[in-house]
Amino acid sequence: HPGETAHMDNQERLEVFASSSAVSNDDPLESINRIVFSINDVLDSFFIDRISAMYKGVIPEFLRERVGYVLRNLSEPIVLTNNILQGEFEDAEDTLRRFLINSTVGIGGIFDISTDLDIPYKKEDFGLTLASWGFSPGPYLVLPILGPSNVRDTFGRIGDYAFDPINWWAYSNNDTTVYSYGRTGVQIMDAKADNLEIIENLKKGSLDPYATFRAWYTERRAALVAKEDREALDTPRPGDEDD
């Protein structure tokens, strides 16, 4: 508990601080990953976190929720593609319905009408598609700025980038690539703003923040691969208290 001291003998200390063999085997690049993690932490502390905190402090919660809904609606074509690649045709139908309804009646996704109609958003990405095809996650990686990942999910990010129709449009018109980069920047800022306190508490309450984030990411992705909580954790609604 915060503020309390735990007294351990030498054997207990060895057990507590010893690395898990399972985690260690999945992190052969730990020395490099820790360097990137430290660089990301500095960038977060002096740049990204401050901008995200200003965004959260200046923009009312209602408007920030609308931004999140629009960003999620823009990601629906990627979700649809991965639904099809995984052979999840019922989910693909739901995703298509969500996109059409929210893009029209929901005014470009500003309002999440689909969830009100019991058509929930379900998390999908190409990393999960590769997992459904039998690809193992591979070694744990920490990507510059983007943070925790693994080899499979890194290729998944590349695939999602290629599937994104906004990127097709942006790169087919040289003068519009700023929109693709701008959306990515807003996505990072929006995600950070929603999780500033959680991330800060994780860092403060952990003896080894690197190991904590590694364990969190590995367990979270394993749960998504197993199709656990894709709907419950990835359909935020105004007023939700589910961290």
Protein backbone atom coordinates (compact mmCIF):
# COMPACT_ATOMS: atom_id res chain seq x y z
CA HIS A 1 0.00 0.00 0.00
CA PRO A 2 1.28 3.53 -0.72
CA GLY A 3 3.14 4.97 2.24
CA GLU A 4 3.67 1.62 3.93
CA THR A 5 7.00 -0.19 4.18
CA ALA A 6 7.26 -3.91 3.47
CA HIS A 7 9.95 -5.71 5.46
CA MET A 8 11.45 -8.68 3.62
CA ASP A 9 14.22 -11.11 4.38
CA ASN A 10 16.91 -11.80 1.77
CA GLN A 11 15.10 -14.80 0.28
CA GLU A 12 11.91 -12.81 -0.16
CA ARG A 13 13.84 -10.02 -1.84
CA LEU A 14 15.34 -12.48 -4.33
CA GLU A 15 11.88 -13.84 -5.14
CA VAL A 16 10.27 -10.42 -5.51
CA PHE A 17 12.94 -8.83 -7.69
CA ALA A 18 13.80 -11.87 -9.79
CA SER A 19 12.66 -11.52 -13.41
CA SER A 20 9.97 -13.88 -14.62
CA SER A 21 11.55 -16.40 -16.99
CA ALA A 22 8.48 -16.25 -19.23
CA VAL A 23 8.74 -12.50 -19.61
CA SER A 24 12.53 -12.54 -19.97
CA ASN A 25 12.33 -15.08 -22.80
CA ASP A 26 9.97 -12.75 -24.67
CA ASP A 27 12.24 -9.74 -24.22
CA PRO A 28 15.69 -10.57 -25.64
CA LEU A 29 16.10 -6.91 -26.66
CA GLU A 30 15.47 -5.62 -23.14
CA SER A 31 18.61 -3.48 -23.00
CA ILE A 32 17.66 -1.66 -26.22
CA ASN A 33 14.00 -1.52 -25.25
CA ARG A 34 14.85 0.14 -21.94
CA ILE A 35 16.82 2.84 -23.75
CA VAL A 36 13.88 3.56 -26.07
CA PHE A 37 11.51 3.44 -23.09
CA SER A 38 13.63 6.05 -21.29
CA ILE A 39 13.73 8.30 -24.37
CA ASN A 40 9.95 7.99 -24.75
CA ASP A 41 9.53 8.82 -21.06
CA VAL A 42 11.56 12.02 -21.48
CA LEU A 43 9.56 12.99 -24.59
CA ASP A 44 6.34 12.30 -22.71
CA SER A 45 7.36 14.29 -19.65
CA PHE A 46 8.59 17.37 -21.47
CA PHE A 47 6.42 17.42 -24.57
CA ILE A 48 3.54 15.00 -25.19
CA ASP A 49 2.20 14.86 -21.62
CA ARG A 50 2.24 18.64 -21.29
CA ILE A 51 0.39 19.18 -24.56
CA SER A 52 -2.12 16.45 -23.63
CA ALA A 53 -2.64 18.01 -20.18
CA MET A 54 -3.28 21.41 -21.78
CA TYR A 55 -5.71 19.80 -24.22
CA LYS A 56 -7.54 18.09 -21.35
CA GLY A 57 -7.59 21.28 -19.29
CA VAL A 58 -8.78 23.60 -22.05
CA ILE A 59 -11.21 21.45 -24.06
CA PRO A 60 -14.44 20.49 -22.22
CA GLU A 61 -15.00 16.78 -21.63
CA PHE A 62 -18.03 16.70 -23.94
CA LEU A 63 -15.98 18.01 -26.88
CA ARG A 64 -13.11 15.63 -26.13
CA GLU A 65 -15.57 12.75 -26.21
CA ARG A 66 -16.77 13.91 -29.65
CA VAL A 67 -13.18 14.00 -30.89
CA GLY A 68 -12.71 10.43 -29.63
CA TYR A 69 -15.88 9.31 -31.42
CA VAL A 70 -14.81 10.92 -34.71
CA LEU A 71 -11.37 9.29 -34.51
CA ARG A 72 -12.95 5.93 -33.78
CA ASN A 73 -15.37 6.31 -36.68
CA LEU A 74 -12.46 7.06 -39.01
CA SER A 75 -10.87 3.77 -37.91
CA GLU A 76 -13.94 1.68 -38.79
CA PRO A 77 -12.73 0.89 -42.37
CA ILE A 78 -9.59 -0.65 -40.82
CA VAL A 79 -11.74 -2.66 -38.40
CA LEU A 80 -13.94 -3.78 -41.31
CA THR A 81 -10.94 -4.97 -43.31
CA ASN A 82 -9.66 -6.99 -40.37
CA ASN A 83 -13.11 -8.45 -39.72
CA ILE A 84 -13.10 -9.78 -43.29
CA LEU A 85 -9.50 -11.03 -43.12
CA GLN A 86 -10.39 -12.97 -39.96
CA GLY A 87 -13.52 -14.44 -41.55
CA GLU A 88 -15.72 -12.68 -38.96
CA PHE A 89 -18.47 -11.75 -41.39
CA GLU A 90 -21.14 -11.02 -38.79
CA ASP A 91 -18.75 -8.58 -37.11
CA ALA A 92 -17.96 -7.14 -40.54
CA GLU A 93 -21.67 -6.51 -41.11
CA ASP A 94 -21.94 -4.79 -37.73
CA THR A 95 -18.86 -2.66 -38.43
CA LEU A 96 -20.20 -1.59 -41.82
CA ARG A 97 -23.56 -0.71 -40.27
CA ARG A 98 -21.81 1.27 -37.52
CA PHE A 99 -19.76 3.22 -40.04
CA LEU A 100 -22.72 4.05 -42.29
CA ILE A 101 -25.01 5.04 -39.41
CA ASN A 102 -22.46 7.09 -37.49
CA SER A 103 -21.13 8.77 -40.64
CA THR A 104 -24.62 9.92 -41.65
CA VAL A 105 -27.05 10.15 -38.74
CA GLY A 106 -24.14 10.58 -36.33
CA ILE A 107 -22.75 13.47 -38.41
CA GLY A 108 -19.37 12.02 -39.30
CA GLY A 109 -19.11 10.09 -36.04
CA ILE A 110 -19.60 13.06 -33.73
CA PHE A 111 -22.42 11.07 -32.12
CA ASP A 112 -22.17 7.32 -31.56
CA ILE A 113 -25.70 6.43 -32.61
CA SER A 114 -24.74 2.82 -33.36
CA THR A 115 -23.89 1.92 -29.77
CA ASP A 116 -27.27 3.34 -28.71
CA LEU A 117 -28.79 0.94 -31.26
CA ASP A 118 -26.94 -2.01 -29.67
CA ILE A 119 -24.30 -2.24 -32.39
CA PRO A 120 -21.16 -1.99 -30.25
CA TYR A 121 -17.68 -1.12 -31.43
CA LYS A 122 -15.25 -4.04 -31.22
CA LYS A 123 -11.50 -3.60 -31.26
CA GLU A 124 -9.76 -5.08 -34.31
CA ASP A 125 -6.38 -4.47 -35.90
CA PHE A 126 -4.01 -6.31 -38.20
CA GLY A 127 -1.91 -7.49 -35.26
CA LEU A 128 -4.98 -9.39 -34.02
CA THR A 129 -5.58 -10.67 -37.55
CA LEU A 130 -2.04 -12.05 -37.71
CA ALA A 131 -2.66 -13.72 -34.34
CA SER A 132 -5.83 -15.32 -35.70
CA TRP A 133 -3.73 -16.71 -38.56
CA GLY A 134 -1.43 -18.39 -36.08
CA PHE A 135 1.48 -15.95 -35.89
CA SER A 136 3.15 -15.79 -32.48
CA PRO A 137 3.76 -12.36 -30.91
CA GLY A 138 7.54 -12.64 -31.10
CA PRO A 139 9.90 -10.58 -28.94
CA TYR A 140 8.60 -7.61 -27.00
CA LEU A 141 9.50 -4.23 -28.53
CA VAL A 142 9.30 -0.62 -27.42
CA LEU A 143 8.73 1.63 -30.42
CA PRO A 144 9.84 5.28 -30.50
CA ILE A 145 6.92 7.52 -29.42
CA LEU A 146 4.36 4.73 -30.02
CA GLY A 147 5.53 2.71 -27.02
CA PRO A 148 4.86 -0.97 -26.16
CA SER A 149 4.56 -3.49 -28.98
CA ASN A 150 5.96 -6.79 -30.21
CA VAL A 151 7.16 -8.04 -33.59
CA ARG A 152 3.71 -9.24 -34.68
CA ASP A 153 1.95 -6.05 -33.61
CA THR A 154 4.62 -3.89 -35.25
CA PHE A 155 3.88 -5.55 -38.59
CA GLY A 156 0.22 -5.15 -37.67
CA ARG A 157 0.66 -1.37 -37.36
CA ILE A 158 2.22 -1.32 -40.82
CA GLY A 159 -0.72 -3.32 -42.19
CA ASP A 160 -3.30 -1.04 -40.59
CA TYR A 161 -1.48 1.98 -42.01
CA ALA A 162 -1.67 0.42 -45.48
CA PHE A 163 -5.38 -0.45 -45.08
CA ASP A 164 -6.35 3.07 -44.04
CA PRO A 165 -8.28 4.85 -46.84
CA ILE A 166 -7.36 8.25 -45.36
CA ASN A 167 -3.70 7.42 -45.98
CA TRP A 168 -4.51 6.38 -49.55
CA TRP A 169 -6.24 9.70 -50.12
CA ALA A 170 -3.51 11.70 -48.41
CA TYR A 171 -0.66 10.14 -50.35
CA SER A 172 -2.45 10.23 -53.68
CA ASN A 173 -2.65 14.01 -53.17
CA ASN A 174 0.75 15.33 -52.15
CA ASP A 175 -0.70 18.49 -50.65
CA THR A 176 -2.94 16.58 -48.21
CA THR A 177 -0.44 14.34 -46.35
CA VAL A 178 -0.66 16.83 -43.49
CA TYR A 179 -4.15 15.47 -42.73
CA SER A 180 -2.79 11.95 -42.20
CA TYR A 181 -0.01 13.17 -39.92
CA GLY A 182 -2.40 15.54 -38.17
CA ARG A 183 -4.88 12.78 -37.38
CA THR A 184 -2.11 10.58 -35.98
CA GLY A 185 -0.98 13.45 -33.75
CA VAL A 186 -4.52 14.04 -32.49
CA GLN A 187 -4.94 10.30 -31.82
CA ILE A 188 -1.80 10.23 -29.65
CA MET A 189 -2.81 13.39 -27.80
CA ASP A 190 -6.39 12.21 -27.25
CA ALA A 191 -5.28 8.80 -25.95
CA LYS A 192 -2.72 10.35 -23.63
CA ALA A 193 -5.23 12.89 -22.29
CA ASP A 194 -7.65 10.09 -21.40
CA ASN A 195 -4.99 8.12 -19.53
CA LEU A 196 -2.67 10.71 -17.98
CA GLU A 197 -3.61 9.90 -14.38
CA ILE A 198 -3.56 6.13 -14.89
CA ILE A 199 -0.12 6.22 -16.50
CA GLU A 200 1.24 8.54 -13.83
CA ASN A 201 -0.06 6.29 -11.06
CA LEU A 202 1.48 3.24 -12.74
CA LYS A 203 4.85 4.97 -12.88
CA LYS A 204 4.72 6.19 -9.29
CA GLY A 205 3.48 2.91 -7.85
CA SER A 206 5.94 0.66 -9.67
CA LEU A 207 9.46 -0.32 -8.66
CA ASP A 208 10.19 -0.93 -12.35
CA PRO A 209 7.84 1.01 -14.69
CA TYR A 210 9.38 -0.66 -17.74
CA ALA A 211 8.48 -4.15 -16.46
CA THR A 212 5.03 -2.93 -15.42
CA PHE A 213 4.20 -1.57 -18.88
CA ARG A 214 5.64 -4.70 -20.52
CA ALA A 215 3.43 -6.96 -18.39
CA TRP A 216 0.37 -4.76 -18.94
CA TYR A 217 0.82 -4.70 -22.72
CA THR A 218 1.52 -8.43 -22.99
CA GLU A 219 -1.51 -9.37 -20.90
CA ARG A 220 -3.80 -6.87 -22.62
CA ARG A 221 -2.93 -8.10 -26.11
CA ALA A 222 -3.28 -11.75 -25.01
CA ALA A 223 -6.79 -10.94 -23.76
CA LEU A 224 -7.70 -9.30 -27.08
CA VAL A 225 -6.31 -12.22 -29.07
CA ALA A 226 -8.50 -14.50 -26.95
CA LYS A 227 -11.44 -12.21 -27.84
CA GLU A 228 -11.91 -11.20 -24.20
CA ASP A 229 -13.30 -7.73 -23.41
CA ARG A 230 -13.03 -6.40 -26.97
CA GLU A 231 -16.47 -4.91 -26.61
CA ALA A 232 -16.48 -4.02 -22.90
CA LEU A 233 -13.18 -2.14 -22.84
CA ASP A 234 -13.34 -0.57 -26.27
CA THR A 235 -16.80 0.97 -26.41
CA PRO A 236 -16.41 4.05 -24.20
CA ARG A 237 -19.60 5.95 -23.55
CA PRO A 238 -20.10 9.37 -21.94
CA GLY A 239 -20.05 8.95 -18.18
CA ASP A 240 -18.36 5.53 -18.18
CA GLU A 241 -16.37 4.87 -15.04
CA ASP A 242 -14.58 1.79 -16.39
CA ASP A 243 -10.85 2.65 -16.41
